[in-house]
């Protein structure tokens, strides 16, 4: 007869063996299923999105190497040809950032000219001649003052900007012809009080004084609603300006003007010459 203790020992051994077989075979089956899923996902992947990702990676490398012109062209290609790319919003931001970098840089582009300074030239005369601003000429050429010398070669932006304001979305679009360069969040007038139509920029002021119902509010006052810059329309009392309430950008809260964050209106101010066209639509 088989001893009772021997039977118990055999039973325990069998259980251990079954458990060991289960643990060793289980993961292999799971990995096989996981591998099958990955393979099917790869088979289902849209070839156009694979190409968009390849272009995106290429543009990122060029951007890191400060090859901004080449990087922008690739980002623009992705934005135009691959609208379903998962990172399309980031691509748009990259395009806008590179647009600004190129405009303010000393890199020659199709929208710039190299001007050799002759006797009688001043920054004011050159800005008027090429339809740009003194600020932009100085920034692009790393000038610390308004002094220029005969024979000096200056990189000057010559393409014309225009502005489009969409009241329904509270955005301001900086354009070059029909090309969108950058989109800014803004505030417009409460009760739809921002006028619509086509206007021109006829005045520009740094740190403007605000005349509020007969009260003069100086630039340094925290109550000065105009912020750090003023770009006036050819319609009295209306224009584009900064703000002391940046947290309210995106709302319809102004008395009728277009309000921007100070850093945004300062950027726009340095680009926009007098006479720039502004279209405001509902």
Protein backbone atom coordinates (compact mmCIF):
# COMPACT_ATOMS: atom_id res chain seq x y z
CA UNK A 1 0.00 0.00 0.00
CA UNK A 2 1.08 3.56 -0.73
CA UNK A 3 1.77 5.59 2.34
CA UNK A 4 -0.65 8.50 2.95
CA UNK A 5 2.22 10.98 3.30
CA UNK A 6 3.63 9.79 -0.03
CA UNK A 7 0.28 10.50 -1.73
CA UNK A 8 0.19 14.02 -0.31
CA UNK A 9 3.75 14.64 -1.53
CA UNK A 10 2.91 13.44 -5.03
CA UNK A 11 -0.16 15.72 -5.10
CA UNK A 12 1.85 18.75 -4.08
CA UNK A 13 4.47 17.99 -6.73
CA UNK A 14 1.79 17.72 -9.43
CA UNK A 15 0.28 21.09 -8.43
CA UNK A 16 3.67 22.80 -8.54
CA UNK A 17 4.33 21.33 -11.98
CA UNK A 18 0.97 22.56 -13.31
CA UNK A 19 1.55 26.05 -11.96
CA UNK A 20 5.05 26.20 -13.46
CA UNK A 21 3.74 25.15 -16.88
CA UNK A 22 1.00 27.79 -16.66
CA UNK A 23 3.39 30.63 -15.78
CA UNK A 24 5.93 29.71 -18.43
CA UNK A 25 3.39 29.35 -21.25
CA UNK A 26 1.12 32.33 -20.40
CA UNK A 27 3.45 35.28 -21.24
CA UNK A 28 4.51 33.71 -24.53
CA UNK A 29 0.89 33.56 -25.65
CA UNK A 30 0.29 37.17 -24.55
CA UNK A 31 3.39 38.43 -26.42
CA UNK A 32 2.26 36.62 -29.52
CA UNK A 33 -1.14 38.30 -29.36
CA UNK A 34 0.47 41.69 -28.68
CA UNK A 35 2.80 41.25 -31.65
CA UNK A 36 -0.19 40.41 -33.82
CA UNK A 37 -1.97 43.61 -32.76
CA UNK A 38 1.08 45.78 -33.53
CA UNK A 39 1.42 44.18 -36.94
CA UNK A 40 -2.23 44.87 -37.73
CA UNK A 41 -1.88 48.49 -36.57
CA UNK A 42 1.13 48.95 -38.82
CA UNK A 43 -0.80 47.48 -41.71
CA UNK A 44 -3.69 49.90 -41.09
CA UNK A 45 -1.48 53.02 -40.76
CA UNK A 46 -2.22 55.69 -43.39
CA UNK A 47 0.81 56.05 -45.70
CA UNK A 48 0.16 59.79 -46.00
CA UNK A 49 0.48 60.22 -42.23
CA UNK A 50 3.72 58.26 -42.27
CA UNK A 51 5.04 60.69 -44.90
CA UNK A 52 3.78 63.68 -42.89
CA UNK A 53 5.62 62.42 -39.81
CA UNK A 54 8.79 61.96 -41.86
CA UNK A 55 8.55 65.53 -43.14
CA UNK A 56 7.81 66.80 -39.63
CA UNK A 57 10.93 65.11 -38.23
CA UNK A 58 12.98 66.60 -41.06
CA UNK A 59 11.63 70.08 -40.39
CA UNK A 60 12.37 69.76 -36.67
CA UNK A 61 16.01 68.88 -37.43
CA UNK A 62 16.36 71.85 -39.79
CA UNK A 63 14.79 74.14 -37.22
CA UNK A 64 17.21 72.96 -34.55
CA UNK A 65 20.06 73.68 -36.99
CA UNK A 66 18.60 77.20 -37.50
CA UNK A 67 17.90 76.54 -41.17
CA UNK A 68 14.67 78.50 -40.86
CA UNK A 69 13.86 79.01 -44.56
CA UNK A 70 14.09 75.29 -45.34
CA UNK A 71 12.22 74.31 -42.17
CA UNK A 72 9.38 76.74 -42.90
CA UNK A 73 8.89 75.37 -46.43
CA UNK A 74 8.49 71.84 -45.07
CA UNK A 75 6.11 72.91 -42.28
CA UNK A 76 4.04 74.79 -44.87
CA UNK A 77 3.94 71.68 -47.08
CA UNK A 78 2.64 69.61 -44.15
CA UNK A 79 0.04 72.23 -43.26
CA UNK A 80 -1.20 72.45 -46.87
CA UNK A 81 -1.05 68.81 -47.96
CA UNK A 82 -1.63 66.86 -44.73
CA UNK A 83 -4.48 68.59 -42.82
CA UNK A 84 -5.28 65.37 -40.91
CA UNK A 85 -1.77 65.13 -39.43
CA UNK A 86 -2.23 64.73 -35.62
CA UNK A 87 0.29 67.51 -34.90
CA UNK A 88 -1.23 69.99 -37.36
CA UNK A 89 -1.87 72.68 -34.70
CA UNK A 90 1.76 72.52 -33.60
CA UNK A 91 2.81 72.74 -37.25
CA UNK A 92 0.78 75.95 -37.60
CA UNK A 93 2.46 77.45 -34.53
CA UNK A 94 5.87 76.47 -35.89
CA UNK A 95 5.11 78.17 -39.21
CA UNK A 96 4.02 81.36 -37.43
CA UNK A 97 7.10 81.35 -35.21
CA UNK A 98 9.44 80.89 -38.16
CA UNK A 99 7.62 83.61 -40.11
CA UNK A 100 8.37 86.08 -37.32
CA UNK A 101 11.94 84.86 -36.90
CA UNK A 102 12.63 85.38 -40.60
CA UNK A 103 10.97 88.80 -40.76
CA UNK A 104 13.02 90.10 -37.84
CA UNK A 105 16.25 88.34 -38.86
CA UNK A 106 19.10 89.47 -41.12
CA UNK A 107 18.52 86.48 -43.44
CA UNK A 108 17.90 87.51 -47.08
CA UNK A 109 14.58 86.25 -48.46
CA UNK A 110 12.40 86.90 -51.51
CA UNK A 111 10.68 89.62 -49.48
CA UNK A 112 13.83 91.57 -48.68
CA UNK A 113 16.33 93.77 -50.49
CA UNK A 114 19.94 94.64 -49.69
CA UNK A 115 20.30 98.43 -49.80
CA UNK A 116 23.72 100.09 -49.88
CA UNK A 117 23.58 103.38 -48.02
CA UNK A 118 24.38 106.49 -50.06
CA UNK A 119 24.87 110.08 -49.00
CA UNK A 120 21.61 111.62 -47.79
CA UNK A 121 20.04 108.32 -46.70
CA UNK A 122 18.35 108.16 -43.31
CA UNK A 123 16.40 105.35 -41.68
CA UNK A 124 13.24 107.41 -42.04
CA UNK A 125 13.77 107.90 -45.78
CA UNK A 126 14.57 104.22 -46.30
CA UNK A 127 11.51 103.11 -44.32
CA UNK A 128 9.30 105.35 -46.46
CA UNK A 129 10.98 104.24 -49.70
CA UNK A 130 10.48 100.53 -49.04
CA UNK A 131 7.17 100.75 -47.16
CA UNK A 132 8.50 99.43 -43.87
CA UNK A 133 9.33 100.76 -40.40
CA UNK A 134 12.44 102.20 -38.78
CA UNK A 135 12.04 99.65 -35.99
CA UNK A 136 12.14 96.71 -38.38
CA UNK A 137 15.20 98.03 -40.23
CA UNK A 138 17.03 98.49 -36.93
CA UNK A 139 16.10 95.07 -35.57
CA UNK A 140 17.00 93.24 -38.80
CA UNK A 141 20.40 94.93 -39.00
CA UNK A 142 21.24 94.89 -35.27
CA UNK A 143 21.43 98.69 -35.15
CA UNK A 144 21.67 100.26 -31.71
CA UNK A 145 20.97 103.80 -32.94
CA UNK A 146 19.51 105.67 -35.92
CA UNK A 147 22.98 106.38 -37.31
CA UNK A 148 23.90 104.75 -40.62
CA UNK A 149 27.01 105.30 -42.73
CA UNK A 150 27.68 105.59 -46.47
CA UNK A 151 28.52 102.19 -47.98
CA UNK A 152 26.78 100.25 -45.24
CA UNK A 153 24.63 97.39 -46.55
CA UNK A 154 21.23 97.03 -44.93
CA UNK A 155 18.79 94.16 -45.21
CA UNK A 156 15.32 95.74 -45.64
CA UNK A 157 11.87 94.16 -45.70
CA UNK A 158 9.91 95.32 -48.76
CA UNK A 159 6.74 93.18 -48.83
CA UNK A 160 3.49 94.86 -47.77
CA UNK A 161 1.60 93.70 -44.70
CA UNK A 162 -2.14 93.88 -44.19
CA UNK A 163 -4.38 93.09 -41.24
CA UNK A 164 -7.64 91.15 -41.02
CA UNK A 165 -9.78 91.23 -37.87
CA UNK A 166 -12.43 88.55 -37.34
CA UNK A 167 -14.81 89.75 -34.61
CA UNK A 168 -16.70 86.44 -34.42
CA UNK A 169 -13.54 84.59 -33.38
CA UNK A 170 -11.75 87.49 -31.70
CA UNK A 171 -8.61 87.02 -33.77
CA UNK A 172 -6.33 89.37 -35.69
CA UNK A 173 -4.49 87.93 -38.68
CA UNK A 174 -1.26 89.46 -39.93
CA UNK A 175 -0.98 88.80 -43.66
CA UNK A 176 1.39 89.37 -46.55
CA UNK A 177 -0.92 89.58 -49.54
CA UNK A 178 -3.15 86.53 -49.06
CA UNK A 179 -0.56 84.60 -47.04
CA UNK A 180 -1.25 84.25 -43.32
CA UNK A 181 1.86 85.06 -41.30
CA UNK A 182 0.53 84.98 -37.75
CA UNK A 183 -2.77 84.78 -35.88
CA UNK A 184 -3.19 86.77 -32.65
CA UNK A 185 -5.89 86.45 -29.99
CA UNK A 186 -7.62 89.78 -29.35
CA UNK A 187 -10.59 91.43 -27.67
CA UNK A 188 -13.21 93.46 -29.52
CA UNK A 189 -16.07 95.76 -28.55
CA UNK A 190 -18.88 94.83 -26.23
CA UNK A 191 -22.34 94.92 -27.79
CA UNK A 192 -20.68 94.50 -31.21
CA UNK A 193 -19.34 98.06 -31.01
CA UNK A 194 -16.17 97.53 -33.05
CA UNK A 195 -16.86 99.07 -36.47
CA UNK A 196 -16.61 96.87 -39.55
CA UNK A 197 -15.13 97.90 -42.88
CA UNK A 198 -11.79 98.71 -44.47
CA UNK A 199 -9.53 101.16 -42.66
CA UNK A 200 -5.94 102.40 -42.69
CA UNK A 201 -3.42 102.91 -39.91
CA UNK A 202 -2.96 106.67 -39.70
CA UNK A 203 -1.27 107.12 -36.32
CA UNK A 204 1.24 105.24 -34.18
CA UNK A 205 2.12 105.95 -30.55
CA UNK A 206 4.46 104.42 -27.98
CA UNK A 207 3.11 104.44 -24.41
CA UNK A 208 0.01 106.45 -25.37
CA UNK A 209 -1.83 108.82 -23.09
CA UNK A 210 -5.48 107.81 -22.64
CA UNK A 211 -8.10 110.55 -22.74
CA UNK A 212 -11.00 108.98 -20.87
CA UNK A 213 -14.10 111.21 -20.84
CA UNK A 214 -12.09 114.35 -20.29
CA UNK A 215 -9.67 112.74 -17.81
CA UNK A 216 -6.02 112.43 -18.86
CA UNK A 217 -4.65 109.02 -17.86
CA UNK A 218 -0.81 108.91 -18.19
CA UNK A 219 0.98 105.91 -19.72
CA UNK A 220 2.42 104.72 -16.41
CA UNK A 221 -1.00 104.56 -14.74
CA UNK A 222 -2.40 101.06 -14.10
CA UNK A 223 -5.74 102.50 -15.21
CA UNK A 224 -4.48 103.34 -18.71
CA UNK A 225 -6.53 100.94 -20.83
CA UNK A 226 -4.42 101.51 -23.97
CA UNK A 227 -1.43 99.53 -22.78
CA UNK A 228 1.97 100.05 -24.37
CA UNK A 229 1.12 100.85 -28.03
CA UNK A 230 -1.51 102.56 -30.18
CA UNK A 231 -2.22 101.98 -33.88
CA UNK A 232 -4.99 104.40 -34.84
CA UNK A 233 -7.53 103.91 -37.65
CA UNK A 234 -8.63 106.61 -40.07
CA UNK A 235 -11.85 106.82 -38.06
CA UNK A 236 -11.59 108.96 -34.91
CA UNK A 237 -11.37 107.14 -31.59
CA UNK A 238 -10.79 103.65 -32.94
CA UNK A 239 -7.66 101.60 -33.35
CA UNK A 240 -5.54 98.69 -32.14
CA UNK A 241 -3.88 98.96 -28.73
CA UNK A 242 -2.44 97.05 -25.78
CA UNK A 243 -4.09 96.21 -22.48
CA UNK A 244 -3.81 96.23 -18.72
CA UNK A 245 -6.16 93.23 -18.54
CA UNK A 246 -4.45 90.43 -20.50
CA UNK A 247 -6.64 87.81 -18.82
CA UNK A 248 -9.66 89.22 -20.68
CA UNK A 249 -8.19 88.77 -24.15
CA UNK A 250 -10.64 86.75 -26.23
CA UNK A 251 -13.73 88.49 -24.86
CA UNK A 252 -15.92 91.23 -26.30
CA UNK A 253 -15.21 93.82 -23.60
CA UNK A 254 -13.73 96.95 -25.18
CA UNK A 255 -15.40 100.28 -25.95
CA UNK A 256 -14.98 99.49 -29.66
CA UNK A 257 -11.23 99.23 -30.22
CA UNK A 258 -9.21 96.10 -30.95
CA UNK A 259 -7.26 95.11 -27.86
CA UNK A 260 -4.12 92.93 -27.85
CA UNK A 261 -1.65 91.67 -25.28
CA UNK A 262 1.15 94.22 -24.89
CA UNK A 263 3.85 91.88 -26.21
CA UNK A 264 1.70 91.17 -29.28
CA UNK A 265 0.84 94.79 -30.06
CA UNK A 266 4.50 95.75 -29.62
CA UNK A 267 5.49 93.12 -32.17
CA UNK A 268 2.79 94.32 -34.57
CA UNK A 269 3.77 97.97 -34.02
CA UNK A 270 7.35 97.30 -35.09
CA UNK A 271 6.14 95.74 -38.37
CA UNK A 272 3.25 97.96 -39.46
CA UNK A 273 3.95 101.24 -41.28
CA UNK A 274 1.47 104.08 -41.61
CA UNK A 275 -1.02 103.41 -44.38
CA UNK A 276 -1.35 99.68 -43.66
CA UNK A 277 -4.79 98.34 -44.63
CA UNK A 278 -7.01 96.87 -41.92
CA UNK A 279 -10.17 94.90 -42.73
CA UNK A 280 -12.62 94.28 -39.88
CA UNK A 281 -15.46 91.79 -40.36
CA UNK A 282 -18.14 90.26 -38.16
